[in-house]
C-alpha atoms as a PDB file:
ATOM      1  CA  MET A   1     107.015  99.838  50.776  1.00  0.00           C
ATOM      2  CA  ILE A   2     110.630 100.876  50.138  1.00  0.00           C
ATOM      3  CA  ASP A   3     109.867 101.232  46.595  1.00  0.00           C
ATOM      4  CA  PHE A   4     106.907 103.491  47.502  1.00  0.00           C
ATOM      5  CA  ALA A   5     109.064 105.605  49.645  1.00  0.00           C
ATOM      6  CA  PHE A   6     111.827 106.025  46.805  1.00  0.00           C
ATOM      7  CA  ASP A   7     109.195 106.712  44.141  1.00  0.00           C
ATOM      8  CA  THR A   8     107.498 109.511  46.157  1.00  0.00           C
ATOM      9  CA  ALA A   9     110.909 111.143  47.124  1.00  0.00           C
ATOM     10  CA  SER A  10     111.883 111.016  43.411  1.00  0.00           C
ATOM     11  CA  ARG A  11     108.606 112.707  42.158  1.00  0.00           C
ATOM     12  CA  ARG A  12     108.980 115.345  44.878  1.00  0.00           C
ATOM     13  CA  ALA A  13     112.800 115.952  44.549  1.00  0.00           C
ATOM     14  CA  ALA A  14     112.882 115.074  48.370  1.00  0.00           C
ATOM     15  CA  ARG A  15     115.553 113.691  50.524  1.00  0.00           C
ATOM     16  CA  LEU A  16     114.561 110.347  52.102  1.00  0.00           C
ATOM     17  CA  ARG A  17     115.176 109.358  55.547  1.00  0.00           C
ATOM     18  CA  ILE A  18     115.043 105.717  56.323  1.00  0.00           C
ATOM     19  CA  VAL A  19     114.891 104.712  60.006  1.00  0.00           C
ATOM     20  CA  HIS A  20     115.421 101.295  61.023  1.00  0.00           C
ATOM     21  CA  GLY A  21     114.805 100.081  64.512  1.00  0.00           C
ATOM     22  CA  TRP A  22     116.568  97.143  65.858  1.00  0.00           C
ATOM     23  CA  THR A  23     116.602  95.523  69.286  1.00  0.00           C
ATOM     24  CA  LEU A  24     119.502  93.770  71.045  1.00  0.00           C
ATOM     25  CA  PRO A  25     119.635  90.177  71.554  1.00  0.00           C
ATOM     26  CA  PRO A  26     118.250  88.856  74.743  1.00  0.00           C
ATOM     27  CA  TYR A  27     121.771  87.647  75.805  1.00  0.00           C
ATOM     28  CA  TYR A  28     123.298  90.995  75.304  1.00  0.00           C
ATOM     29  CA  TYR A  29     124.099  92.980  78.894  1.00  0.00           C
ATOM     30  CA  GLY A  30     125.114  96.611  77.662  1.00  0.00           C
ATOM     31  CA  GLY A  31     128.240  95.705  75.982  1.00  0.00           C
ATOM     32  CA  THR A  32     130.621  96.426  78.941  1.00  0.00           C
ATOM     33  CA  LEU A  33     131.841  92.885  79.144  1.00  0.00           C
ATOM     34  CA  MET A  34     132.227  92.450  75.272  1.00  0.00           C
ATOM     35  CA  PRO A  35     132.686  95.883  73.666  1.00  0.00           C
ATOM     36  CA  ASP A  36     133.826  94.337  70.475  1.00  0.00           C
ATOM     37  CA  LEU A  37     130.428  92.681  70.227  1.00  0.00           C
ATOM     38  CA  ASN A  38     128.534  95.596  70.600  1.00  0.00           C
ATOM     39  CA  ASP A  39     130.798  97.359  67.595  1.00  0.00           C
ATOM     40  CA  GLY A  40     130.338  94.014  65.464  1.00  0.00           C
ATOM     41  CA  MET A  41     126.599  94.051  65.837  1.00  0.00           C
ATOM     42  CA  VAL A  42     126.139  97.847  64.865  1.00  0.00           C
ATOM     43  CA  GLU A  43     128.292  97.432  61.876  1.00  0.00           C
ATOM     44  CA  GLN A  44     126.398  94.155  60.767  1.00  0.00           C
ATOM     45  CA  VAL A  45     122.915  96.067  61.062  1.00  0.00           C
ATOM     46  CA  ARG A  46     124.370  99.029  59.249  1.00  0.00           C
ATOM     47  CA  SER A  47     125.685  96.701  56.533  1.00  0.00           C
ATOM     48  CA  GLU A  48     122.460  94.696  56.242  1.00  0.00           C
ATOM     49  CA  LEU A  49     120.498  97.961  55.974  1.00  0.00           C
ATOM     50  CA  SER A  50     122.993  99.214  53.387  1.00  0.00           C
ATOM     51  CA  ASP A  51     122.517  96.067  51.315  1.00  0.00           C
ATOM     52  CA  VAL A  52     118.448  95.990  51.479  1.00  0.00           C
ATOM     53  CA  LEU A  53     118.738  99.819  50.163  1.00  0.00           C
ATOM     54  CA  ARG A  54     121.346  99.243  47.312  1.00  0.00           C
ATOM     55  CA  PRO A  55     118.737  98.166  44.618  1.00  0.00           C
ATOM     56  CA  TRP A  56     116.608 101.084  45.341  1.00  0.00           C
ATOM     57  CA  ARG A  57     119.611 103.642  45.536  1.00  0.00           C
ATOM     58  CA  ASP A  58     120.551 102.195  41.953  1.00  0.00           C
ATOM     59  CA  ARG A  59     117.117 102.530  40.694  1.00  0.00           C
ATOM     60  CA  TYR A  60     116.794 106.340  42.080  1.00  0.00           C
ATOM     61  CA  PRO A  61     120.334 107.805  41.915  1.00  0.00           C
ATOM     62  CA  ALA A  62     119.168 111.284  42.077  1.00  0.00           C
ATOM     63  CA  VAL A  63     117.397 110.437  45.539  1.00  0.00           C
ATOM     64  CA  GLU A  64     119.571 111.660  48.614  1.00  0.00           C
ATOM     65  CA  VAL A  65     119.345 108.847  51.073  1.00  0.00           C
ATOM     66  CA  GLN A  66     120.020 109.045  54.897  1.00  0.00           C
ATOM     67  CA  ALA A  67     119.893 105.610  56.374  1.00  0.00           C
ATOM     68  CA  GLN A  68     119.627 105.488  60.145  1.00  0.00           C
ATOM     69  CA  ALA A  69     119.689 102.258  62.226  1.00  0.00           C
ATOM     70  CA  THR A  70     118.745 102.754  65.811  1.00  0.00           C
ATOM     71  CA  ILE A  71     118.633 100.547  68.839  1.00  0.00           C
ATOM     72  CA  GLY A  72     115.006 100.346  70.192  1.00  0.00           C
ATOM     73  CA  GLY A  73     111.559  99.982  68.717  1.00  0.00           C
ATOM     74  CA  ALA A  74     110.880 102.065  65.445  1.00  0.00           C
ATOM     75  CA  GLY A  75     107.799 103.581  66.515  1.00  0.00           C
ATOM     76  CA  ARG A  76     109.376 106.243  68.949  1.00  0.00           C
ATOM     77  CA  HIS A  77     112.125 106.885  66.362  1.00  0.00           C
ATOM     78  CA  LEU A  78     109.638 107.339  63.488  1.00  0.00           C
ATOM     79  CA  VAL A  79     107.451 109.598  65.518  1.00  0.00           C
ATOM     80  CA  ASP A  80     110.234 111.728  66.284  1.00  0.00           C
ATOM     81  CA  ALA A  81     111.377 111.835  62.773  1.00  0.00           C
ATOM     82  CA  SER A  82     107.868 112.833  61.884  1.00  0.00           C
ATOM     83  CA  TYR A  83     108.410 116.535  63.189  1.00  0.00           C
ATOM     84  CA  ASP A  84     110.883 117.107  60.274  1.00  0.00           C
ATOM     85  CA  ALA A  85     108.951 115.123  57.645  1.00  0.00           C
ATOM     86  CA  ALA A  86     106.445 115.942  54.927  1.00  0.00           C
ATOM     87  CA  LEU A  87     105.409 112.224  54.879  1.00  0.00           C
ATOM     88  CA  VAL A  88     106.150 109.221  56.969  1.00  0.00           C
ATOM     89  CA  VAL A  89     105.872 106.007  55.150  1.00  0.00           C
ATOM     90  CA  VAL A  90     105.478 102.766  57.095  1.00  0.00           C
ATOM     91  CA  GLY A  91     104.730  99.037  56.088  1.00  0.00           C
ATOM     92  CA  ARG A  92     102.117  96.798  57.191  1.00  0.00           C
ATOM     93  CA  ARG A  93     102.147  93.206  56.716  1.00  0.00           C
ATOM     94  CA  ASN A  94      99.086  91.613  55.129  1.00  0.00           C
ATOM     95  CA  ARG A  95      97.849  89.188  57.803  1.00  0.00           C
ATOM     96  CA  ARG A  96      95.043  86.854  57.384  1.00  0.00           C
ATOM     97  CA  ALA A  97      92.770  87.653  59.951  1.00  0.00           C
ATOM     98  CA  ALA A  98      89.188  86.357  60.301  1.00  0.00           C
ATOM     99  CA  ILE A  99      87.732  89.971  61.196  1.00  0.00           C
ATOM    100  CA  GLY A 100      89.153  93.369  60.096  1.00  0.00           C
ATOM    101  CA  ALA A 101      92.661  94.599  59.479  1.00  0.00           C
ATOM    102  CA  HIS A 102      95.344  94.501  61.987  1.00  0.00           C
ATOM    103  CA  ILE A 103      98.264  96.923  62.328  1.00  0.00           C
ATOM    104  CA  GLY A 104     101.151  96.645  64.230  1.00  0.00           C
ATOM    105  CA  PRO A 105     102.650  98.609  67.186  1.00  0.00           C
ATOM    106  CA  VAL A 106     104.790 101.035  64.894  1.00  0.00           C
ATOM    107  CA  THR A 107     101.998 101.816  62.485  1.00  0.00           C
ATOM    108  CA  GLN A 108      99.729 102.472  65.481  1.00  0.00           C
ATOM    109  CA  ALA A 109     102.115 104.876  67.232  1.00  0.00           C
ATOM    110  CA  LEU A 110     102.456 106.697  63.975  1.00  0.00           C
ATOM    111  CA  LEU A 111      98.788 106.983  63.191  1.00  0.00           C
ATOM    112  CA  HIS A 112      98.263 108.485  66.749  1.00  0.00           C
ATOM    113  CA  HIS A 113     101.280 110.694  67.467  1.00  0.00           C
ATOM    114  CA  ALA A 114     102.945 111.628  63.957  1.00  0.00           C
ATOM    115  CA  ALA A 115     103.242 115.187  63.199  1.00  0.00           C
ATOM    116  CA  ALA A 116     103.357 114.506  59.627  1.00  0.00           C
ATOM    117  CA  PRO A 117     100.932 112.727  57.118  1.00  0.00           C
ATOM    118  CA  VAL A 118     101.534 109.026  57.304  1.00  0.00           C
ATOM    119  CA  ALA A 119     101.144 106.598  54.343  1.00  0.00           C
ATOM    120  CA  VAL A 120     100.636 102.948  55.414  1.00  0.00           C
ATOM    121  CA  ILE A 121     101.713 100.470  52.702  1.00  0.00           C
ATOM    122  CA  SER A 122     100.664  96.903  52.812  1.00  0.00           C
ATOM    123  CA  HIS A 123     103.238  94.418  52.005  1.00  0.00           C
ATOM    124  CA  ASP A 124     103.855  90.428  52.274  1.00  0.00           C
END
C-alpha cells in the first residue's frame, strides 16, 4: 500500500500526505499527571512513522512527503484529508473469510464519506 502511494505520487509529480492514526494506551489519563509520558509517546510514534517511511523516501527522493501522526481513529482524519486530496490510498488486510471480502472501519468510512477517489490496496 505504501509503495502504491509513493509510486502514484511519483508518477503524478504530486505531494504525498501520510496520515497515521493512533490511540492512547488504556492506562493513559490525559497526560495531566505525567506530561513527560505524553511527550515521550508522541515522539515515539513520530519516530516509528519516520522509520517506516524511510525506505520509500530513499526510493522516491523526488516525492515531497508530509507525515502526520494523529491521535484518534484514522477514518475521521482521512475523510478530512480527502477534501484536499486528488486520491486517498488506504490499505485492507487480506482476511481469510468464508464468505465475501471484508473491509475494516477505516476503509468503510472512506468509501462512504471521502470527497476524493479512494484506492483500496490489499496487503498481508
